[in-house]
Amino acid sequence: MTAAALAGELHVSERTLYRDIAELVAQGAPIYGEAGIGYVLRPGLFLPPLMLTEDETEAVVLGLRYADQLGDEVLGTAAKAALAKIASVLSPAAQEALRNPVALPGPTARGFPDNTVDLATLRAAIKSQTKLHITYDDVEGERTNRVVWPIALGFMTHARVVVAWCELRRDYRTFRTDRIAAADPVDQRYPGRRSALLKVWRTRANIDENGRFTPDKN
């Protein structure tokens, strides 16, 4: 968009707009200006200065370090990058809490069983809300072929699972990723929204929006 168009939409002068855009760029916003085109906002995330308390810093750092420990390579890399970005904009007091935390993660997990299927395939299907045809070996070693609607990945203490609606069982199921022998995308989106399916599963599994298990009061 041109500076004139932005200024008109925001009801400010072009001089004010130039100043505000310059401030956003200085804070790291991926905004680029080009003569004859105007301003372009490119994909990317920037963090303004964060006002986190010491306790909030502890919580964020602990969560990211657990993500690094228990997640796969993608999440581990993302956790390290996020921690570095957050560290660069913390106040001096919060920086001290980052360097010398009160809360520490437990020992590094012993590792998860090796997966036959790349988790990237599962992630892509979840994000695109695409059905998957999987070959699955249950705990007894019985192999079945199923079409599932993947809605989430779960990182448990000793295994990773994919949460899905199973067309074979006509119900929600969790499948250990190390027991999925093959996973092939079906060229078909599953009906409904992933968020709605996930909400129903959480309710039935007594899991709140923060991922905490809530025992049935009945």
Foldseek 3Di string as FASTA:
>chain_A
DALVVVCVVVVHDSVVVVVVVVVVVVQPFQWDQDPPPHIDRDDDDGDHQDDDDLVRLLVLLQVLVVQLQQPDPVSVVVSVVVVVRNLVRYDPVNVVCNVPPPDHDDDRAPDEPDALDDVVVVVVCQVVQFKKWWWFQDPVRDTDTWIWRWQDWDRDRHFIWTWTQTPVVRGIDIGTRRGTNDIDTDPDHDDDDSVVVVVVVCVVQCADPVRDHDDDPD
